[in-house]
Amino acid sequence: MKTEVNNHFSNVLLTGSILLANVNMSGLLDYGLKAIIGGAVWLGFKITADYLDRKRKASGK
């Protein structure tokens, strides 16, 4: 039974190594940078919208 677990782990490790060997790291870094910048822009718009909404509600009272 122990060899089945080791054999399964070896298959998973081999498959993961093959898949990661084909990964384009510069493409992933580029995508990650774009995702971070996009998230920061979205967060800026969300904070601005919340601020303007609170200001509008406060002046309406």
PDB file of N, CA and C in Angstrom:
ATOM      1  N   MET A   1       0.831  -1.191   0.000  1.00  0.00           N
ATOM      2  CA  MET A   1       0.000   0.000   0.000  1.00  0.00           C
ATOM      3  C   MET A   1       0.872   1.249   0.000  1.00  0.00           C
ATOM      4  N   LYS A   2       1.993   1.206   0.654  1.00  0.00           N
ATOM      5  CA  LYS A   2       2.853   2.371   0.709  1.00  0.00           C
ATOM      6  C   LYS A   2       3.428   2.708  -0.667  1.00  0.00           C
ATOM      7  N   THR A   3       3.692   1.702  -1.484  1.00  0.00           N
ATOM      8  CA  THR A   3       4.224   1.968  -2.828  1.00  0.00           C
ATOM      9  C   THR A   3       3.184   2.643  -3.708  1.00  0.00           C
ATOM     10  N   GLU A   4       1.897   2.362  -3.491  1.00  0.00           N
ATOM     11  CA  GLU A   4       0.850   3.029  -4.275  1.00  0.00           C
ATOM     12  C   GLU A   4       0.830   4.523  -3.981  1.00  0.00           C
ATOM     13  N   VAL A   5       0.978   4.884  -2.726  1.00  0.00           N
ATOM     14  CA  VAL A   5       0.996   6.292  -2.350  1.00  0.00           C
ATOM     15  C   VAL A   5       2.226   6.968  -2.955  1.00  0.00           C
ATOM     16  N   ASN A   6       3.384   6.338  -2.845  1.00  0.00           N
ATOM     17  CA  ASN A   6       4.600   6.912  -3.410  1.00  0.00           C
ATOM     18  C   ASN A   6       4.516   6.992  -4.919  1.00  0.00           C
ATOM     19  N   ASN A   7       3.922   5.969  -5.551  1.00  0.00           N
ATOM     20  CA  ASN A   7       3.778   5.961  -6.994  1.00  0.00           C
ATOM     21  C   ASN A   7       2.837   7.081  -7.432  1.00  0.00           C
ATOM     22  N   HIS A   8       1.749   7.246  -6.711  1.00  0.00           N
ATOM     23  CA  HIS A   8       0.800   8.323  -7.031  1.00  0.00           C
ATOM     24  C   HIS A   8       1.462   9.684  -6.867  1.00  0.00           C
ATOM     25  N   PHE A   9       2.204   9.867  -5.795  1.00  0.00           N
ATOM     26  CA  PHE A   9       2.903  11.131  -5.556  1.00  0.00           C
ATOM     27  C   PHE A   9       3.930  11.391  -6.648  1.00  0.00           C
ATOM     28  N   SER A  10       4.620  10.369  -7.083  1.00  0.00           N
ATOM     29  CA  SER A  10       5.607  10.525  -8.156  1.00  0.00           C
ATOM     30  C   SER A  10       4.935  10.942  -9.454  1.00  0.00           C
ATOM     31  N   ASN A  11       3.774  10.367  -9.747  1.00  0.00           N
ATOM     32  CA  ASN A  11       3.039  10.739 -10.961  1.00  0.00           C
ATOM     33  C   ASN A  11       2.579  12.185 -10.901  1.00  0.00           C
ATOM     34  N   VAL A  12       2.090  12.599  -9.758  1.00  0.00           N
ATOM     35  CA  VAL A  12       1.644  13.985  -9.598  1.00  0.00           C
ATOM     36  C   VAL A  12       2.829  14.936  -9.703  1.00  0.00           C
ATOM     37  N   LEU A  13       3.931  14.583  -9.084  1.00  0.00           N
ATOM     38  CA  LEU A  13       5.128  15.412  -9.132  1.00  0.00           C
ATOM     39  C   LEU A  13       5.660  15.526 -10.561  1.00  0.00           C
ATOM     40  N   LEU A  14       5.678  14.427 -11.286  1.00  0.00           N
ATOM     41  CA  LEU A  14       6.154  14.431 -12.667  1.00  0.00           C
ATOM     42  C   LEU A  14       5.235  15.268 -13.548  1.00  0.00           C
ATOM     43  N   THR A  15       3.938  15.097 -13.398  1.00  0.00           N
ATOM     44  CA  THR A  15       2.982  15.873 -14.195  1.00  0.00           C
ATOM     45  C   THR A  15       3.108  17.360 -13.882  1.00  0.00           C
ATOM     46  N   GLY A  16       3.218  17.719 -12.621  1.00  0.00           N
ATOM     47  CA  GLY A  16       3.379  19.119 -12.233  1.00  0.00           C
ATOM     48  C   GLY A  16       4.659  19.713 -12.776  1.00  0.00           C
ATOM     49  N   SER A  17       5.727  18.946 -12.748  1.00  0.00           N
ATOM     50  CA  SER A  17       7.008  19.436 -13.277  1.00  0.00           C
ATOM     51  C   SER A  17       6.924  19.694 -14.779  1.00  0.00           C
ATOM     52  N   ILE A  18       6.274  18.796 -15.492  1.00  0.00           N
ATOM     53  CA  ILE A  18       6.127  18.973 -16.943  1.00  0.00           C
ATOM     54  C   ILE A  18       5.278  20.193 -17.249  1.00  0.00           C
ATOM     55  N   LEU A  19       4.192  20.363 -16.515  1.00  0.00           N
ATOM     56  CA  LEU A  19       3.320  21.515 -16.766  1.00  0.00           C
ATOM     57  C   LEU A  19       4.017  22.824 -16.424  1.00  0.00           C
ATOM     58  N   LEU A  20       4.751  22.858 -15.320  1.00  0.00           N
ATOM     59  CA  LEU A  20       5.431  24.084 -14.930  1.00  0.00           C
ATOM     60  C   LEU A  20       6.616  24.404 -15.831  1.00  0.00           C
ATOM     61  N   ALA A  21       7.181  23.388 -16.485  1.00  0.00           N
ATOM     62  CA  ALA A  21       8.292  23.625 -17.393  1.00  0.00           C
ATOM     63  C   ALA A  21       7.837  24.377 -18.634  1.00  0.00           C
ATOM     64  N   ASN A  22       6.571  24.245 -18.975  1.00  0.00           N
ATOM     65  CA  ASN A  22       6.033  24.899 -20.168  1.00  0.00           C
ATOM     66  C   ASN A  22       5.410  26.254 -19.876  1.00  0.00           C
ATOM     67  N   VAL A  23       5.510  26.727 -18.651  1.00  0.00           N
ATOM     68  CA  VAL A  23       4.902  28.000 -18.268  1.00  0.00           C
ATOM     69  C   VAL A  23       5.800  29.150 -18.718  1.00  0.00           C
ATOM     70  N   ASN A  24       5.194  30.135 -19.328  1.00  0.00           N
ATOM     71  CA  ASN A  24       5.906  31.335 -19.758  1.00  0.00           C
ATOM     72  C   ASN A  24       5.934  32.307 -18.578  1.00  0.00           C
ATOM     73  N   MET A  25       7.067  32.396 -17.893  1.00  0.00           N
ATOM     74  CA  MET A  25       7.153  33.213 -16.682  1.00  0.00           C
ATOM     75  C   MET A  25       7.017  34.701 -16.978  1.00  0.00           C
ATOM     76  N   SER A  26       7.570  35.170 -18.091  1.00  0.00           N
ATOM     77  CA  SER A  26       7.449  36.598 -18.398  1.00  0.00           C
ATOM     78  C   SER A  26       5.994  36.950 -18.689  1.00  0.00           C
ATOM     79  N   GLY A  27       5.266  36.034 -19.314  1.00  0.00           N
ATOM     80  CA  GLY A  27       3.846  36.266 -19.557  1.00  0.00           C
ATOM     81  C   GLY A  27       3.055  36.311 -18.268  1.00  0.00           C
ATOM     82  N   LEU A  28       3.404  35.434 -17.325  1.00  0.00           N
ATOM     83  CA  LEU A  28       2.715  35.444 -16.036  1.00  0.00           C
ATOM     84  C   LEU A  28       3.014  36.713 -15.247  1.00  0.00           C
ATOM     85  N   LEU A  29       4.266  37.154 -15.290  1.00  0.00           N
ATOM     86  CA  LEU A  29       4.626  38.388 -14.590  1.00  0.00           C
ATOM     87  C   LEU A  29       3.919  39.588 -15.216  1.00  0.00           C
ATOM     88  N   ASP A  30       3.833  39.601 -16.542  1.00  0.00           N
ATOM     89  CA  ASP A  30       3.137  40.680 -17.234  1.00  0.00           C
ATOM     90  C   ASP A  30       1.657  40.693 -16.860  1.00  0.00           C
ATOM     91  N   TYR A  31       1.039  39.516 -16.850  1.00  0.00           N
ATOM     92  CA  TYR A  31      -0.365  39.406 -16.476  1.00  0.00           C
ATOM     93  C   TYR A  31      -0.577  39.829 -15.024  1.00  0.00           C
ATOM     94  N   GLY A  32       0.320  39.399 -14.146  1.00  0.00           N
ATOM     95  CA  GLY A  32       0.203  39.764 -12.734  1.00  0.00           C
ATOM     96  C   GLY A  32       0.318  41.260 -12.523  1.00  0.00           C
ATOM     97  N   LEU A  33       1.241  41.893 -13.241  1.00  0.00           N
ATOM     98  CA  LEU A  33       1.399  43.340 -13.136  1.00  0.00           C
ATOM     99  C   LEU A  33       0.150  44.062 -13.625  1.00  0.00           C
ATOM    100  N   LYS A  34      -0.396  43.600 -14.742  1.00  0.00           N
ATOM    101  CA  LYS A  34      -1.628  44.206 -15.259  1.00  0.00           C
ATOM    102  C   LYS A  34      -2.788  44.005 -14.296  1.00  0.00           C
ATOM    103  N   ALA A  35      -2.854  42.847 -13.663  1.00  0.00           N
ATOM    104  CA  ALA A  35      -3.932  42.578 -12.710  1.00  0.00           C
ATOM    105  C   ALA A  35      -3.813  43.469 -11.484  1.00  0.00           C
ATOM    106  N   ILE A  36      -2.603  43.682 -11.006  1.00  0.00           N
ATOM    107  CA  ILE A  36      -2.398  44.544  -9.836  1.00  0.00           C
ATOM    108  C   ILE A  36      -2.755  45.988 -10.173  1.00  0.00           C
ATOM    109  N   ILE A  37      -2.310  46.467 -11.331  1.00  0.00           N
ATOM    110  CA  ILE A  37      -2.626  47.842 -11.736  1.00  0.00           C
ATOM    111  C   ILE A  37      -4.130  48.002 -11.934  1.00  0.00           C
ATOM    112  N   GLY A  38      -4.756  47.021 -12.580  1.00  0.00           N
ATOM    113  CA  GLY A  38      -6.204  47.077 -12.776  1.00  0.00           C
ATOM    114  C   GLY A  38      -6.956  47.064 -11.460  1.00  0.00           C
ATOM    115  N   GLY A  39      -6.500  46.264 -10.522  1.00  0.00           N
ATOM    116  CA  GLY A  39      -7.140  46.231  -9.206  1.00  0.00           C
ATOM    117  C   GLY A  39      -6.988  47.542  -8.461  1.00  0.00           C
ATOM    118  N   ALA A  40      -5.821  48.176  -8.594  1.00  0.00           N
ATOM    119  CA  ALA A  40      -5.601  49.474  -7.940  1.00  0.00           C
ATOM    120  C   ALA A  40      -6.496  50.542  -8.546  1.00  0.00           C
ATOM    121  N   VAL A  41      -6.644  50.517  -9.868  1.00  0.00           N
ATOM    122  CA  VAL A  41      -7.535  51.491 -10.529  1.00  0.00           C
ATOM    123  C   VAL A  41      -8.974  51.261 -10.079  1.00  0.00           C
ATOM    124  N   TRP A  42      -9.412  49.998 -10.053  1.00  0.00           N
ATOM    125  CA  TRP A  42     -10.769  49.695  -9.613  1.00  0.00           C
ATOM    126  C   TRP A  42     -10.986  50.150  -8.173  1.00  0.00           C
ATOM    127  N   LEU A  43     -10.005  49.888  -7.300  1.00  0.00           N
ATOM    128  CA  LEU A  43     -10.122  50.292  -5.903  1.00  0.00           C
ATOM    129  C   LEU A  43     -10.217  51.811  -5.786  1.00  0.00           C
ATOM    130  N   GLY A  44      -9.434  52.526  -6.589  1.00  0.00           N
ATOM    131  CA  GLY A  44      -9.511  53.990  -6.585  1.00  0.00           C
ATOM    132  C   GLY A  44     -10.888  54.488  -6.988  1.00  0.00           C
ATOM    133  N   PHE A  45     -11.454  53.904  -8.047  1.00  0.00           N
ATOM    134  CA  PHE A  45     -12.798  54.299  -8.469  1.00  0.00           C
ATOM    135  C   PHE A  45     -13.837  53.960  -7.411  1.00  0.00           C
ATOM    136  N   LYS A  46     -13.698  52.806  -6.771  1.00  0.00           N
ATOM    137  CA  LYS A  46     -14.658  52.387  -5.745  1.00  0.00           C
ATOM    138  C   LYS A  46     -14.604  53.313  -4.533  1.00  0.00           C
ATOM    139  N   ILE A  47     -13.406  53.657  -4.085  1.00  0.00           N
ATOM    140  CA  ILE A  47     -13.267  54.556  -2.937  1.00  0.00           C
ATOM    141  C   ILE A  47     -13.824  55.936  -3.280  1.00  0.00           C
ATOM    142  N   THR A  48     -13.537  56.421  -4.492  1.00  0.00           N
ATOM    143  CA  THR A  48     -14.062  57.720  -4.925  1.00  0.00           C
ATOM    144  C   THR A  48     -15.583  57.697  -4.991  1.00  0.00           C
ATOM    145  N   ALA A  49     -16.159  56.633  -5.538  1.00  0.00           N
ATOM    146  CA  ALA A  49     -17.619  56.525  -5.631  1.00  0.00           C
ATOM    147  C   ALA A  49     -18.254  56.474  -4.254  1.00  0.00           C
ATOM    148  N   ASP A  50     -17.660  55.735  -3.321  1.00  0.00           N
ATOM    149  CA  ASP A  50     -18.196  55.674  -1.960  1.00  0.00           C
ATOM    150  C   ASP A  50     -18.115  57.037  -1.269  1.00  0.00           C
ATOM    151  N   TYR A  51     -17.001  57.729  -1.472  1.00  0.00           N
ATOM    152  CA  TYR A  51     -16.831  59.051  -0.875  1.00  0.00           C
ATOM    153  C   TYR A  51     -17.877  60.027  -1.420  1.00  0.00           C
ATOM    154  N   LEU A  52     -18.062  60.030  -2.744  1.00  0.00           N
ATOM    155  CA  LEU A  52     -19.044  60.941  -3.340  1.00  0.00           C
ATOM    156  C   LEU A  52     -20.463  60.585  -2.918  1.00  0.00           C
ATOM    157  N   ASP A  53     -20.756  59.292  -2.759  1.00  0.00           N
ATOM    158  CA  ASP A  53     -22.080  58.874  -2.317  1.00  0.00           C
ATOM    159  C   ASP A  53     -22.348  59.329  -0.886  1.00  0.00           C
ATOM    160  N   ARG A  54     -21.362  59.177  -0.005  1.00  0.00           N
ATOM    161  CA  ARG A  54     -21.527  59.650   1.384  1.00  0.00           C
ATOM    162  C   ARG A  54     -21.694  61.162   1.428  1.00  0.00           C
ATOM    163  N   LYS A  55     -20.921  61.852   0.609  1.00  0.00           N
ATOM    164  CA  LYS A  55     -21.008  63.313   0.584  1.00  0.00           C
ATOM    165  C   LYS A  55     -22.378  63.765   0.081  1.00  0.00           C
ATOM    166  N   ARG A  56     -22.897  63.063  -0.933  1.00  0.00           N
ATOM    167  CA  ARG A  56     -24.212  63.407  -1.475  1.00  0.00           C
ATOM    168  C   ARG A  56     -25.302  63.137  -0.458  1.00  0.00           C
ATOM    169  N   LYS A  57     -25.194  62.009   0.272  1.00  0.00           N
ATOM    170  CA  LYS A  57     -26.196  61.674   1.273  1.00  0.00           C
ATOM    171  C   LYS A  57     -26.130  62.652   2.452  1.00  0.00           C
ATOM    172  N   ALA A  58     -24.926  63.075   2.830  1.00  0.00           N
ATOM    173  CA  ALA A  58     -24.786  63.997   3.960  1.00  0.00           C
ATOM    174  C   ALA A  58     -25.341  65.365   3.619  1.00  0.00           C
ATOM    175  N   SER A  59     -25.164  65.821   2.396  1.00  0.00           N
ATOM    176  CA  SER A  59     -25.671  67.146   2.013  1.00  0.00           C
ATOM    177  C   SER A  59     -27.178  67.118   1.781  1.00  0.00           C
ATOM    178  N   GLY A  60     -27.733  65.964   1.577  1.00  0.00           N
ATOM    179  CA  GLY A  60     -29.186  65.842   1.325  1.00  0.00           C
ATOM    180  C   GLY A  60     -30.003  65.896   2.595  1.00  0.00           C
ATOM    181  N   LYS A  61     -29.391  65.725   3.755  1.00  0.00           N
ATOM    182  CA  LYS A  61     -30.141  65.723   5.019  1.00  0.00           C
ATOM    183  C   LYS A  61     -30.510  67.099   5.464  1.00  0.00           C
TER     184      LYS A  61
END
